[in-house]
């Protein structure tokens, strides 16, 4: 269900960006360029969230498959995505390594809002 909601939100966002961008075609090049820049950041944020969800799902599956402590930690860590194996190893060994969070996504809405407010004023000037 959540996958459907995330996909629907992605498609709706792309549809709005396409609609806004289509309005600037042939009219105002700078506003179109800013809309395309917003679309690029939007897609970068979507890619990052997809990778984060994939890594989280892989970690969840690997943890659910454990009944006891693994006999071979290296073999078990090999089943995880590369970006998670080092933080998980350090957590298992008693370190305080933090897991990676999305870093592009939190800035995307602010960038999109700023550009959405600014780009139309360029078209009217």
PDB file of N, CA and C in Angstrom:
ATOM      1  N   UNK A   1       0.815  -1.193   0.000  1.00  0.00           N
ATOM      2  CA  UNK A   1       0.000   0.000   0.000  1.00  0.00           C
ATOM      3  C   UNK A   1       0.861   1.261   0.000  1.00  0.00           C
ATOM      4  N   UNK A   2       1.901   1.249   0.860  1.00  0.00           N
ATOM      5  CA  UNK A   2       2.759   2.438   0.927  1.00  0.00           C
ATOM      6  C   UNK A   2       3.491   2.668  -0.398  1.00  0.00           C
ATOM      7  N   UNK A   3       3.868   1.580  -1.057  1.00  0.00           N
ATOM      8  CA  UNK A   3       4.558   1.719  -2.339  1.00  0.00           C
ATOM      9  C   UNK A   3       3.651   2.412  -3.357  1.00  0.00           C
ATOM     10  N   UNK A   4       2.380   2.079  -3.320  1.00  0.00           N
ATOM     11  CA  UNK A   4       1.417   2.706  -4.223  1.00  0.00           C
ATOM     12  C   UNK A   4       1.269   4.193  -3.916  1.00  0.00           C
ATOM     13  N   UNK A   5       1.252   4.541  -2.635  1.00  0.00           N
ATOM     14  CA  UNK A   5       1.118   5.948  -2.243  1.00  0.00           C
ATOM     15  C   UNK A   5       2.343   6.750  -2.686  1.00  0.00           C
ATOM     16  N   UNK A   6       3.546   6.190  -2.472  1.00  0.00           N
ATOM     17  CA  UNK A   6       4.757   6.895  -2.890  1.00  0.00           C
ATOM     18  C   UNK A   6       4.819   7.041  -4.407  1.00  0.00           C
ATOM     19  N   UNK A   7       4.411   6.009  -5.122  1.00  0.00           N
ATOM     20  CA  UNK A   7       4.411   6.081  -6.581  1.00  0.00           C
ATOM     21  C   UNK A   7       3.405   7.114  -7.072  1.00  0.00           C
ATOM     22  N   UNK A   8       2.228   7.138  -6.455  1.00  0.00           N
ATOM     23  CA  UNK A   8       1.206   8.114  -6.845  1.00  0.00           C
ATOM     24  C   UNK A   8       1.686   9.535  -6.573  1.00  0.00           C
ATOM     25  N   UNK A   9       2.343   9.754  -5.447  1.00  0.00           N
ATOM     26  CA  UNK A   9       2.863  11.092  -5.135  1.00  0.00           C
ATOM     27  C   UNK A   9       3.941  11.502  -6.138  1.00  0.00           C
ATOM     28  N   UNK A  10       4.802  10.572  -6.513  1.00  0.00           N
ATOM     29  CA  UNK A  10       5.845  10.866  -7.498  1.00  0.00           C
ATOM     30  C   UNK A  10       5.230  11.240  -8.837  1.00  0.00           C
ATOM     31  N   UNK A  11       4.269  10.457  -9.283  1.00  0.00           N
ATOM     32  CA  UNK A  11       3.631  10.717 -10.567  1.00  0.00           C
ATOM     33  C   UNK A  11       2.866  12.042 -10.544  1.00  0.00           C
ATOM     34  N   UNK A  12       2.181  12.318  -9.433  1.00  0.00           N
ATOM     35  CA  UNK A  12       1.449  13.586  -9.326  1.00  0.00           C
ATOM     36  C   UNK A  12       2.409  14.776  -9.370  1.00  0.00           C
ATOM     37  N   UNK A  13       3.533  14.674  -8.662  1.00  0.00           N
ATOM     38  CA  UNK A  13       4.524  15.750  -8.687  1.00  0.00           C
ATOM     39  C   UNK A  13       5.105  15.962 -10.070  1.00  0.00           C
ATOM     40  N   UNK A  14       5.406  14.872 -10.755  1.00  0.00           N
ATOM     41  CA  UNK A  14       5.932  14.999 -12.119  1.00  0.00           C
ATOM     42  C   UNK A  14       4.892  15.575 -13.071  1.00  0.00           C
ATOM     43  N   UNK A  15       3.639  15.209 -12.866  1.00  0.00           N
ATOM     44  CA  UNK A  15       2.578  15.752 -13.717  1.00  0.00           C
ATOM     45  C   UNK A  15       2.450  17.265 -13.522  1.00  0.00           C
ATOM     46  N   UNK A  16       2.521  17.713 -12.294  1.00  0.00           N
ATOM     47  CA  UNK A  16       2.435  19.152 -12.022  1.00  0.00           C
ATOM     48  C   UNK A  16       3.639  19.871 -12.619  1.00  0.00           C
ATOM     49  N   UNK A  17       4.823  19.300 -12.445  1.00  0.00           N
ATOM     50  CA  UNK A  17       6.009  19.927 -13.036  1.00  0.00           C
ATOM     51  C   UNK A  17       5.913  19.980 -14.556  1.00  0.00           C
ATOM     52  N   UNK A  18       5.407  18.906 -15.148  1.00  0.00           N
ATOM     53  CA  UNK A  18       5.223  18.903 -16.601  1.00  0.00           C
ATOM     54  C   UNK A  18       4.216  19.943 -17.063  1.00  0.00           C
ATOM     55  N   UNK A  19       3.147  20.088 -16.296  1.00  0.00           N
ATOM     56  CA  UNK A  19       2.108  21.062 -16.621  1.00  0.00           C
ATOM     57  C   UNK A  19       2.646  22.492 -16.520  1.00  0.00           C
ATOM     58  N   UNK A  20       3.366  22.769 -15.452  1.00  0.00           N
ATOM     59  CA  UNK A  20       3.940  24.107 -15.280  1.00  0.00           C
ATOM     60  C   UNK A  20       4.991  24.365 -16.355  1.00  0.00           C
ATOM     61  N   UNK A  21       5.865  23.375 -16.591  1.00  0.00           N
ATOM     62  CA  UNK A  21       6.900  23.533 -17.610  1.00  0.00           C
ATOM     63  C   UNK A  21       6.326  23.739 -18.998  1.00  0.00           C
ATOM     64  N   UNK A  22       5.241  23.034 -19.305  1.00  0.00           N
ATOM     65  CA  UNK A  22       4.615  23.182 -20.627  1.00  0.00           C
ATOM     66  C   UNK A  22       4.081  24.596 -20.825  1.00  0.00           C
ATOM     67  N   UNK A  23       3.669  25.238 -19.754  1.00  0.00           N
ATOM     68  CA  UNK A  23       3.182  26.610 -19.858  1.00  0.00           C
ATOM     69  C   UNK A  23       4.271  27.614 -20.196  1.00  0.00           C
ATOM     70  N   UNK A  24       5.510  27.259 -19.905  1.00  0.00           N
ATOM     71  CA  UNK A  24       6.628  28.175 -20.170  1.00  0.00           C
ATOM     72  C   UNK A  24       7.310  27.918 -21.506  1.00  0.00           C
ATOM     73  N   UNK A  25       6.960  26.837 -22.187  1.00  0.00           N
ATOM     74  CA  UNK A  25       7.602  26.523 -23.467  1.00  0.00           C
ATOM     75  C   UNK A  25       7.290  27.630 -24.470  1.00  0.00           C
ATOM     76  N   UNK A  26       8.316  28.179 -25.035  1.00  0.00           N
ATOM     77  CA  UNK A  26       8.161  29.228 -26.029  1.00  0.00           C
ATOM     78  C   UNK A  26       7.835  30.595 -25.458  1.00  0.00           C
ATOM     79  N   UNK A  27       7.605  30.677 -24.156  1.00  0.00           N
ATOM     80  CA  UNK A  27       7.225  31.953 -23.566  1.00  0.00           C
ATOM     81  C   UNK A  27       8.354  32.603 -22.794  1.00  0.00           C
ATOM     82  N   UNK A  28       8.870  31.917 -21.815  1.00  0.00           N
ATOM     83  CA  UNK A  28       9.897  32.490 -20.951  1.00  0.00           C
ATOM     84  C   UNK A  28      10.939  31.417 -20.658  1.00  0.00           C
ATOM     85  N   UNK A  29      12.103  31.567 -21.257  1.00  0.00           N
ATOM     86  CA  UNK A  29      13.148  30.549 -21.170  1.00  0.00           C
ATOM     87  C   UNK A  29      13.701  30.396 -19.760  1.00  0.00           C
ATOM     88  N   UNK A  30      13.893  31.494 -19.048  1.00  0.00           N
ATOM     89  CA  UNK A  30      14.451  31.413 -17.701  1.00  0.00           C
ATOM     90  C   UNK A  30      13.507  30.674 -16.753  1.00  0.00           C
ATOM     91  N   UNK A  31      12.219  30.964 -16.841  1.00  0.00           N
ATOM     92  CA  UNK A  31      11.246  30.272 -15.995  1.00  0.00           C
ATOM     93  C   UNK A  31      11.194  28.786 -16.340  1.00  0.00           C
ATOM     94  N   UNK A  32      11.311  28.445 -17.608  1.00  0.00           N
ATOM     95  CA  UNK A  32      11.357  27.037 -18.020  1.00  0.00           C
ATOM     96  C   UNK A  32      12.609  26.361 -17.471  1.00  0.00           C
ATOM     97  N   UNK A  33      13.744  27.066 -17.528  1.00  0.00           N
ATOM     98  CA  UNK A  33      14.989  26.509 -17.001  1.00  0.00           C
ATOM     99  C   UNK A  33      14.878  26.252 -15.491  1.00  0.00           C
ATOM    100  N   UNK A  34      14.255  27.180 -14.764  1.00  0.00           N
ATOM    101  CA  UNK A  34      14.061  26.979 -13.327  1.00  0.00           C
ATOM    102  C   UNK A  34      13.114  25.817 -13.045  1.00  0.00           C
ATOM    103  N   UNK A  35      12.093  25.665 -13.861  1.00  0.00           N
ATOM    104  CA  UNK A  35      11.178  24.537 -13.699  1.00  0.00           C
ATOM    105  C   UNK A  35      11.911  23.223 -13.950  1.00  0.00           C
ATOM    106  N   UNK A  36      12.781  23.194 -14.932  1.00  0.00           N
ATOM    107  CA  UNK A  36      13.573  21.992 -15.194  1.00  0.00           C
ATOM    108  C   UNK A  36      14.563  21.719 -14.058  1.00  0.00           C
ATOM    109  N   UNK A  37      15.096  22.777 -13.467  1.00  0.00           N
ATOM    110  CA  UNK A  37      15.978  22.611 -12.315  1.00  0.00           C
ATOM    111  C   UNK A  37      15.208  22.023 -11.127  1.00  0.00           C
ATOM    112  N   UNK A  38      14.008  22.508 -10.921  1.00  0.00           N
ATOM    113  CA  UNK A  38      13.163  21.949  -9.861  1.00  0.00           C
ATOM    114  C   UNK A  38      12.898  20.472 -10.137  1.00  0.00           C
ATOM    115  N   UNK A  39      12.612  20.139 -11.385  1.00  0.00           N
ATOM    116  CA  UNK A  39      12.356  18.742 -11.750  1.00  0.00           C
ATOM    117  C   UNK A  39      13.589  17.877 -11.499  1.00  0.00           C
ATOM    118  N   UNK A  40      14.772  18.416 -11.757  1.00  0.00           N
ATOM    119  CA  UNK A  40      15.999  17.649 -11.514  1.00  0.00           C
ATOM    120  C   UNK A  40      16.186  17.384 -10.025  1.00  0.00           C
ATOM    121  N   UNK A  41      15.959  18.382  -9.189  1.00  0.00           N
ATOM    122  CA  UNK A  41      16.061  18.172  -7.743  1.00  0.00           C
ATOM    123  C   UNK A  41      14.968  17.234  -7.241  1.00  0.00           C
ATOM    124  N   UNK A  42      13.798  17.340  -7.811  1.00  0.00           N
ATOM    125  CA  UNK A  42      12.693  16.460  -7.443  1.00  0.00           C
ATOM    126  C   UNK A  42      13.064  15.001  -7.737  1.00  0.00           C
ATOM    127  N   UNK A  43      13.625  14.773  -8.911  1.00  0.00           N
ATOM    128  CA  UNK A  43      14.016  13.413  -9.278  1.00  0.00           C
ATOM    129  C   UNK A  43      15.197  12.917  -8.434  1.00  0.00           C
ATOM    130  N   UNK A  44      16.124  13.816  -8.088  1.00  0.00           N
ATOM    131  CA  UNK A  44      17.227  13.417  -7.207  1.00  0.00           C
ATOM    132  C   UNK A  44      16.697  13.007  -5.836  1.00  0.00           C
ATOM    133  N   UNK A  45      15.731  13.743  -5.324  1.00  0.00           N
ATOM    134  CA  UNK A  45      15.118  13.390  -4.050  1.00  0.00           C
ATOM    135  C   UNK A  45      14.353  12.081  -4.136  1.00  0.00           C
ATOM    136  N   UNK A  46      13.651  11.867  -5.241  1.00  0.00           N
ATOM    137  CA  UNK A  46      12.919  10.607  -5.430  1.00  0.00           C
ATOM    138  C   UNK A  46      13.885   9.428  -5.521  1.00  0.00           C
ATOM    139  N   UNK A  47      14.989   9.614  -6.220  1.00  0.00           N
ATOM    140  CA  UNK A  47      16.005   8.555  -6.329  1.00  0.00           C
ATOM    141  C   UNK A  47      16.581   8.235  -4.948  1.00  0.00           C
ATOM    142  N   UNK A  48      16.866   9.271  -4.184  1.00  0.00           N
ATOM    143  CA  UNK A  48      17.433   9.059  -2.858  1.00  0.00           C
ATOM    144  C   UNK A  48      16.444   8.330  -1.946  1.00  0.00           C
ATOM    145  N   UNK A  49      15.187   8.710  -1.993  1.00  0.00           N
ATOM    146  CA  UNK A  49      14.189   8.021  -1.180  1.00  0.00           C
ATOM    147  C   UNK A  49      14.015   6.576  -1.615  1.00  0.00           C
ATOM    148  N   UNK A  50      14.098   6.306  -2.913  1.00  0.00           N
ATOM    149  CA  UNK A  50      14.003   4.935  -3.405  1.00  0.00           C
ATOM    150  C   UNK A  50      15.174   4.101  -2.874  1.00  0.00           C
ATOM    151  N   UNK A  51      16.388   4.653  -2.938  1.00  0.00           N
ATOM    152  CA  UNK A  51      17.550   3.930  -2.408  1.00  0.00           C
ATOM    153  C   UNK A  51      17.440   3.717  -0.908  1.00  0.00           C
ATOM    154  N   UNK A  52      16.941   4.717  -0.183  1.00  0.00           N
ATOM    155  CA  UNK A  52      16.780   4.600   1.265  1.00  0.00           C
ATOM    156  C   UNK A  52      15.763   3.521   1.607  1.00  0.00           C
ATOM    157  N   UNK A  53      14.636   3.496   0.914  1.00  0.00           N
ATOM    158  CA  UNK A  53      13.613   2.476   1.167  1.00  0.00           C
ATOM    159  C   UNK A  53      14.122   1.093   0.804  1.00  0.00           C
ATOM    160  N   UNK A  54      14.892   0.982  -0.275  1.00  0.00           N
ATOM    161  CA  UNK A  54      15.450  -0.310  -0.665  1.00  0.00           C
ATOM    162  C   UNK A  54      16.424  -0.807   0.391  1.00  0.00           C
ATOM    163  N   UNK A  55      17.295   0.065   0.884  1.00  0.00           N
ATOM    164  CA  UNK A  55      18.240  -0.323   1.920  1.00  0.00           C
ATOM    165  C   UNK A  55      17.552  -0.698   3.221  1.00  0.00           C
ATOM    166  N   UNK A  56      16.533   0.070   3.593  1.00  0.00           N
ATOM    167  CA  UNK A  56      15.786  -0.230   4.816  1.00  0.00           C
ATOM    168  C   UNK A  56      15.076  -1.573   4.709  1.00  0.00           C
ATOM    169  N   UNK A  57      14.506  -1.860   3.549  1.00  0.00           N
ATOM    170  CA  UNK A  57      13.830  -3.140   3.340  1.00  0.00           C
ATOM    171  C   UNK A  57      14.815  -4.301   3.392  1.00  0.00           C
ATOM    172  N   UNK A  58      15.986  -4.109   2.795  1.00  0.00           N
ATOM    173  CA  UNK A  58      17.001  -5.170   2.820  1.00  0.00           C
ATOM    174  C   UNK A  58      17.475  -5.438   4.246  1.00  0.00           C
ATOM    175  N   UNK A  59      17.664  -4.387   5.032  1.00  0.00           N
ATOM    176  CA  UNK A  59      18.068  -4.559   6.425  1.00  0.00           C
ATOM    177  C   UNK A  59      16.970  -5.257   7.222  1.00  0.00           C
ATOM    178  N   UNK A  60      15.738  -4.876   6.985  1.00  0.00           N
ATOM    179  CA  UNK A  60      14.624  -5.513   7.695  1.00  0.00           C
ATOM    180  C   UNK A  60      14.530  -7.000   7.360  1.00  0.00           C
ATOM    181  N   UNK A  61      14.673  -7.343   6.068  1.00  0.00           N
ATOM    182  CA  UNK A  61      14.640  -8.757   5.665  1.00  0.00           C
ATOM    183  C   UNK A  61      15.786  -9.538   6.281  1.00  0.00           C
ATOM    184  N   UNK A  62      16.983  -8.928   6.280  1.00  0.00           N
ATOM    185  CA  UNK A  62      18.149  -9.616   6.843  1.00  0.00           C
ATOM    186  C   UNK A  62      17.979  -9.838   8.344  1.00  0.00           C
ATOM    187  N   UNK A  63      17.414  -8.874   9.038  1.00  0.00           N
ATOM    188  CA  UNK A  63      17.199  -9.028  10.480  1.00  0.00           C
ATOM    189  C   UNK A  63      16.118 -10.048  10.781  1.00  0.00           C
ATOM    190  N   UNK A  64      15.081 -10.107   9.973  1.00  0.00           N
ATOM    191  CA  UNK A  64      14.011 -11.089  10.183  1.00  0.00           C
ATOM    192  C   UNK A  64      14.482 -12.505   9.900  1.00  0.00           C
ATOM    193  N   UNK A  65      15.473 -12.642   9.027  1.00  0.00           N
ATOM    194  CA  UNK A  65      15.969 -13.979   8.694  1.00  0.00           C
ATOM    195  C   UNK A  65      16.849 -14.564   9.799  1.00  0.00           C
ATOM    196  N   UNK A  66      17.270 -13.751  10.735  1.00  0.00           N
ATOM    197  CA  UNK A  66      18.129 -14.227  11.823  1.00  0.00           C
ATOM    198  C   UNK A  66      17.292 -14.908  12.900  1.00  0.00           C
ATOM    199  N   UNK A  67      17.744 -16.090  13.299  1.00  0.00           N
ATOM    200  CA  UNK A  67      17.150 -16.755  14.452  1.00  0.00           C
ATOM    201  C   UNK A  67      18.055 -16.549  15.664  1.00  0.00           C
ATOM    202  N   UNK A  68      19.356 -16.703  15.440  1.00  0.00           N
ATOM    203  CA  UNK A  68      20.389 -16.501  16.453  1.00  0.00           C
ATOM    204  C   UNK A  68      21.454 -15.590  15.863  1.00  0.00           C
ATOM    205  N   UNK A  69      22.484 -15.329  16.654  1.00  0.00           N
ATOM    206  CA  UNK A  69      23.609 -14.541  16.137  1.00  0.00           C
ATOM    207  C   UNK A  69      24.245 -15.305  14.974  1.00  0.00           C
ATOM    208  N   UNK A  70      24.566 -14.613  13.889  1.00  0.00           N
ATOM    209  CA  UNK A  70      25.159 -15.323  12.748  1.00  0.00           C
ATOM    210  C   UNK A  70      26.539 -15.865  13.096  1.00  0.00           C
ATOM    211  N   UNK A  71      26.825 -17.064  12.586  1.00  0.00           N
ATOM    212  CA  UNK A  71      28.135 -17.681  12.830  1.00  0.00           C
ATOM    213  C   UNK A  71      29.223 -16.903  12.095  1.00  0.00           C
ATOM    214  N   UNK A  72      28.885 -16.396  10.918  1.00  0.00           N
ATOM    215  CA  UNK A  72      29.845 -15.658  10.107  1.00  0.00           C
ATOM    216  C   UNK A  72      29.273 -14.269   9.840  1.00  0.00           C
ATOM    217  N   UNK A  73      29.746 -13.277  10.587  1.00  0.00           N
ATOM    218  CA  UNK A  73      29.224 -11.917  10.449  1.00  0.00           C
ATOM    219  C   UNK A  73      29.488 -11.360   9.059  1.00  0.00           C
ATOM    220  N   UNK A  74      30.664 -11.658   8.499  1.00  0.00           N
ATOM    221  CA  UNK A  74      30.988 -11.134   7.169  1.00  0.00           C
ATOM    222  C   UNK A  74      30.029 -11.665   6.111  1.00  0.00           C
ATOM    223  N   UNK A  75      29.666 -12.926   6.211  1.00  0.00           N
ATOM    224  CA  UNK A  75      28.720 -13.506   5.259  1.00  0.00           C
ATOM    225  C   UNK A  75      27.342 -12.878   5.366  1.00  0.00           C
ATOM    226  N   UNK A  76      26.911 -12.630   6.610  1.00  0.00           N
ATOM    227  CA  UNK A  76      25.604 -12.009   6.803  1.00  0.00           C
ATOM    228  C   UNK A  76      25.619 -10.556   6.318  1.00  0.00           C
ATOM    229  N   UNK A  77      26.707  -9.845   6.594  1.00  0.00           N
ATOM    230  CA  UNK A  77      26.806  -8.445   6.153  1.00  0.00           C
ATOM    231  C   UNK A  77      26.851  -8.330   4.637  1.00  0.00           C
ATOM    232  N   UNK A  78      27.334  -9.373   3.962  1.00  0.00           N
ATOM    233  CA  UNK A  78      27.389  -9.345   2.500  1.00  0.00           C
ATOM    234  C   UNK A  78      25.989  -9.315   1.895  1.00  0.00           C
ATOM    235  N   UNK A  79      24.976  -9.753   2.653  1.00  0.00           N
ATOM    236  CA  UNK A  79      23.602  -9.730   2.134  1.00  0.00           C
ATOM    237  C   UNK A  79      22.988  -8.336   2.185  1.00  0.00           C
ATOM    238  N   UNK A  80      23.646  -7.415   2.861  1.00  0.00           N
ATOM    239  CA  UNK A  80      23.143  -6.044   2.979  1.00  0.00           C
ATOM    240  C   UNK A  80      23.682  -5.171   1.849  1.00  0.00           C
ATOM    241  N   UNK A  81      22.986  -4.082   1.536  1.00  0.00           N
ATOM    242  CA  UNK A  81      23.536  -3.132   0.569  1.00  0.00           C
ATOM    243  C   UNK A  81      24.867  -2.569   1.075  1.00  0.00           C
ATOM    244  N   UNK A  82      25.729  -2.186   0.156  1.00  0.00           N
ATOM    245  CA  UNK A  82      27.090  -1.754   0.511  1.00  0.00           C
ATOM    246  C   UNK A  82      27.089  -0.568   1.484  1.00  0.00           C
ATOM    247  N   UNK A  83      26.166   0.345   1.339  1.00  0.00           N
ATOM    248  CA  UNK A  83      26.129   1.511   2.215  1.00  0.00           C
ATOM    249  C   UNK A  83      25.719   1.205   3.645  1.00  0.00           C
ATOM    250  N   UNK A  84      25.138   0.039   3.870  1.00  0.00           N
ATOM    251  CA  UNK A  84      24.691  -0.322   5.213  1.00  0.00           C
ATOM    252  C   UNK A  84      25.637  -1.269   5.931  1.00  0.00           C
ATOM    253  N   UNK A  85      26.489  -1.954   5.202  1.00  0.00           N
ATOM    254  CA  UNK A  85      27.307  -2.988   5.843  1.00  0.00           C
ATOM    255  C   UNK A  85      28.276  -2.405   6.884  1.00  0.00           C
ATOM    256  N   UNK A  86      28.895  -1.280   6.611  1.00  0.00           N
ATOM    257  CA  UNK A  86      29.847  -0.694   7.573  1.00  0.00           C
ATOM    258  C   UNK A  86      29.127  -0.167   8.815  1.00  0.00           C
ATOM    259  N   UNK A  87      28.043   0.619   8.686  1.00  0.00           N
ATOM    260  CA  UNK A  87      27.354   1.052   9.906  1.00  0.00           C
ATOM    261  C   UNK A  87      26.784  -0.108  10.726  1.00  0.00           C
ATOM    262  N   UNK A  88      26.268  -1.144  10.053  1.00  0.00           N
ATOM    263  CA  UNK A  88      25.730  -2.292  10.788  1.00  0.00           C
ATOM    264  C   UNK A  88      26.856  -3.026  11.506  1.00  0.00           C
ATOM    265  N   UNK A  89      27.993  -3.203  10.839  1.00  0.00           N
ATOM    266  CA  UNK A  89      29.138  -3.859  11.481  1.00  0.00           C
ATOM    267  C   UNK A  89      29.556  -3.091  12.735  1.00  0.00           C
ATOM    268  N   UNK A  90      29.646  -1.780  12.616  1.00  0.00           N
ATOM    269  CA  UNK A  90      30.073  -0.986  13.771  1.00  0.00           C
ATOM    270  C   UNK A  90      29.038  -1.024  14.886  1.00  0.00           C
ATOM    271  N   UNK A  91      27.756  -1.086  14.554  1.00  0.00           N
ATOM    272  CA  UNK A  91      26.723  -1.214  15.583  1.00  0.00           C
ATOM    273  C   UNK A  91      26.826  -2.563  16.284  1.00  0.00           C
ATOM    274  N   UNK A  92      27.039  -3.613  15.501  1.00  0.00           N
ATOM    275  CA  UNK A  92      27.145  -4.954  16.082  1.00  0.00           C
ATOM    276  C   UNK A  92      28.362  -5.055  16.989  1.00  0.00           C
ATOM    277  N   UNK A  93      29.441  -4.405  16.600  1.00  0.00           N
ATOM    278  CA  UNK A  93      30.671  -4.463  17.385  1.00  0.00           C
ATOM    279  C   UNK A  93      30.670  -3.482  18.545  1.00  0.00           C
ATOM    280  N   UNK A  94      29.574  -2.778  18.765  1.00  0.00           N
ATOM    281  CA  UNK A  94      29.457  -1.911  19.930  1.00  0.00           C
ATOM    282  C   UNK A  94      29.721  -0.443  19.673  1.00  0.00           C
ATOM    283  N   UNK A  95      29.961  -0.076  18.441  1.00  0.00           N
ATOM    284  CA  UNK A  95      30.201   1.331  18.119  1.00  0.00           C
ATOM    285  C   UNK A  95      28.900   2.091  18.016  1.00  0.00           C
ATOM    286  N   UNK A  96      28.999   3.367  17.886  1.00  0.00           N
ATOM    287  CA  UNK A  96      27.815   4.209  17.807  1.00  0.00           C
ATOM    288  C   UNK A  96      27.596   4.793  16.434  1.00  0.00           C
ATOM    289  N   UNK A  97      27.934   4.077  15.391  1.00  0.00           N
ATOM    290  CA  UNK A  97      27.791   4.577  14.026  1.00  0.00           C
ATOM    291  C   UNK A  97      26.319   4.819  13.693  1.00  0.00           C
ATOM    292  N   UNK A  98      26.016   5.989  13.206  1.00  0.00           N
ATOM    293  CA  UNK A  98      24.642   6.313  12.824  1.00  0.00           C
ATOM    294  C   UNK A  98      24.350   5.766  11.431  1.00  0.00           C
ATOM    295  N   UNK A  99      23.112   5.407  11.215  1.00  0.00           N
ATOM    296  CA  UNK A  99      22.696   4.978   9.892  1.00  0.00           C
ATOM    297  C   UNK A  99      22.433   6.209   9.037  1.00  0.00           C
ATOM    298  N   UNK A 100      22.566   6.029   7.741  1.00  0.00           N
ATOM    299  CA  UNK A 100      22.397   7.142   6.815  1.00  0.00           C
ATOM    300  C   UNK A 100      20.927   7.494   6.668  1.00  0.00           C
ATOM    301  N   UNK A 101      20.638   8.774   6.646  1.00  0.00           N
ATOM    302  CA  UNK A 101      19.300   9.285   6.388  1.00  0.00           C
ATOM    303  C   UNK A 101      19.314   9.987   5.039  1.00  0.00           C
ATOM    304  N   UNK A 102      18.146  10.166   4.453  1.00  0.00           N
ATOM    305  CA  UNK A 102      18.105  10.946   3.213  1.00  0.00           C
ATOM    306  C   UNK A 102      18.590  12.374   3.459  1.00  0.00           C
ATOM    307  N   UNK A 103      19.440  12.878   2.588  1.00  0.00           N
ATOM    308  CA  UNK A 103      19.944  14.241   2.773  1.00  0.00           C
ATOM    309  C   UNK A 103      19.414  15.191   1.704  1.00  0.00           C
ATOM    310  N   UNK A 104      19.083  14.718   0.519  1.00  0.00           N
ATOM    311  CA  UNK A 104      18.556  15.591  -0.530  1.00  0.00           C
ATOM    312  C   UNK A 104      17.089  15.893  -0.301  1.00  0.00           C
ATOM    313  N   UNK A 105      16.336  14.887   0.107  1.00  0.00           N
ATOM    314  CA  UNK A 105      14.889  15.035   0.168  1.00  0.00           C
ATOM    315  C   UNK A 105      14.423  16.173   1.071  1.00  0.00           C
ATOM    316  N   UNK A 106      14.965  16.338   2.293  1.00  0.00           N
ATOM    317  CA  UNK A 106      14.446  17.420   3.137  1.00  0.00           C
ATOM    318  C   UNK A 106      14.611  18.813   2.529  1.00  0.00           C
ATOM    319  N   UNK A 107      15.598  19.005   1.678  1.00  0.00           N
ATOM    320  CA  UNK A 107      15.791  20.316   1.066  1.00  0.00           C
ATOM    321  C   UNK A 107      14.945  20.498  -0.190  1.00  0.00           C
ATOM    322  N   UNK A 108      14.468  19.416  -0.770  1.00  0.00           N
ATOM    323  CA  UNK A 108      13.717  19.506  -2.023  1.00  0.00           C
ATOM    324  C   UNK A 108      12.437  20.325  -1.902  1.00  0.00           C
ATOM    325  N   UNK A 109      11.594  20.098  -0.883  1.00  0.00           N
ATOM    326  CA  UNK A 109      10.378  20.918  -0.812  1.00  0.00           C
ATOM    327  C   UNK A 109      10.673  22.405  -0.665  1.00  0.00           C
ATOM    328  N   UNK A 110      11.675  22.769   0.118  1.00  0.00           N
ATOM    329  CA  UNK A 110      12.014  24.182   0.273  1.00  0.00           C
ATOM    330  C   UNK A 110      12.505  24.788  -1.019  1.00  0.00           C
ATOM    331  N   UNK A 111      13.337  24.068  -1.734  1.00  0.00           N
ATOM    332  CA  UNK A 111      13.848  24.546  -3.024  1.00  0.00           C
ATOM    333  C   UNK A 111      12.699  24.676  -4.018  1.00  0.00           C
ATOM    334  N   UNK A 112      11.812  23.690  -4.015  1.00  0.00           N
ATOM    335  CA  UNK A 112      10.686  23.728  -4.938  1.00  0.00           C
ATOM    336  C   UNK A 112       9.756  24.876  -4.610  1.00  0.00           C
ATOM    337  N   UNK A 113       9.496  25.100  -3.319  1.00  0.00           N
ATOM    338  CA  UNK A 113       8.598  26.189  -2.928  1.00  0.00           C
ATOM    339  C   UNK A 113       9.186  27.539  -3.313  1.00  0.00           C
ATOM    340  N   UNK A 114      10.481  27.723  -3.013  1.00  0.00           N
ATOM    341  CA  UNK A 114      11.132  28.995  -3.354  1.00  0.00           C
ATOM    342  C   UNK A 114      11.086  29.235  -4.857  1.00  0.00           C
ATOM    343  N   UNK A 115      11.431  28.218  -5.620  1.00  0.00           N
ATOM    344  CA  UNK A 115      11.464  28.378  -7.069  1.00  0.00           C
ATOM    345  C   UNK A 115      10.066  28.557  -7.640  1.00  0.00           C
ATOM    346  N   UNK A 116       9.083  27.856  -7.051  1.00  0.00           N
ATOM    347  CA  UNK A 116       7.710  27.992  -7.546  1.00  0.00           C
ATOM    348  C   UNK A 116       7.173  29.394  -7.288  1.00  0.00           C
ATOM    349  N   UNK A 117       7.619  30.015  -6.214  1.00  0.00           N
ATOM    350  CA  UNK A 117       7.178  31.386  -5.928  1.00  0.00           C
ATOM    351  C   UNK A 117       7.926  32.403  -6.781  1.00  0.00           C
ATOM    352  N   UNK A 118       9.170  32.084  -7.112  1.00  0.00           N
ATOM    353  CA  UNK A 118      10.026  33.038  -7.792  1.00  0.00           C
ATOM    354  C   UNK A 118       9.875  32.960  -9.310  1.00  0.00           C
ATOM    355  N   UNK A 119       9.740  31.749  -9.856  1.00  0.00           N
ATOM    356  CA  UNK A 119       9.709  31.580 -11.305  1.00  0.00           C
ATOM    357  C   UNK A 119       8.525  32.284 -11.960  1.00  0.00           C
ATOM    358  N   UNK A 120       7.298  32.214 -11.422  1.00  0.00           N
ATOM    359  CA  UNK A 120       6.209  32.942 -12.080  1.00  0.00           C
ATOM    360  C   UNK A 120       6.420  34.447 -12.118  1.00  0.00           C
ATOM    361  N   UNK A 121       7.072  35.001 -11.095  1.00  0.00           N
ATOM    362  CA  UNK A 121       7.295  36.450 -11.116  1.00  0.00           C
ATOM    363  C   UNK A 121       8.269  36.830 -12.216  1.00  0.00           C
ATOM    364  N   UNK A 122       9.162  35.920 -12.584  1.00  0.00           N
ATOM    365  CA  UNK A 122      10.051  36.187 -13.705  1.00  0.00           C
ATOM    366  C   UNK A 122       9.282  36.224 -15.030  1.00  0.00           C
ATOM    367  N   UNK A 123       8.306  35.361 -15.125  1.00  0.00           N
ATOM    368  CA  UNK A 123       7.543  35.294 -16.373  1.00  0.00           C
ATOM    369  C   UNK A 123       6.690  36.539 -16.565  1.00  0.00           C
ATOM    370  N   UNK A 124       6.283  37.168 -15.475  1.00  0.00           N
ATOM    371  CA  UNK A 124       5.416  38.344 -15.588  1.00  0.00           C
ATOM    372  C   UNK A 124       6.208  39.641 -15.707  1.00  0.00           C
ATOM    373  N   UNK A 125       7.503  39.585 -15.504  1.00  0.00           N
ATOM    374  CA  UNK A 125       8.269  40.839 -15.548  1.00  0.00           C
ATOM    375  C   UNK A 125       8.651  41.215 -16.956  1.00  0.00           C
TER     376      UNK A 125
END
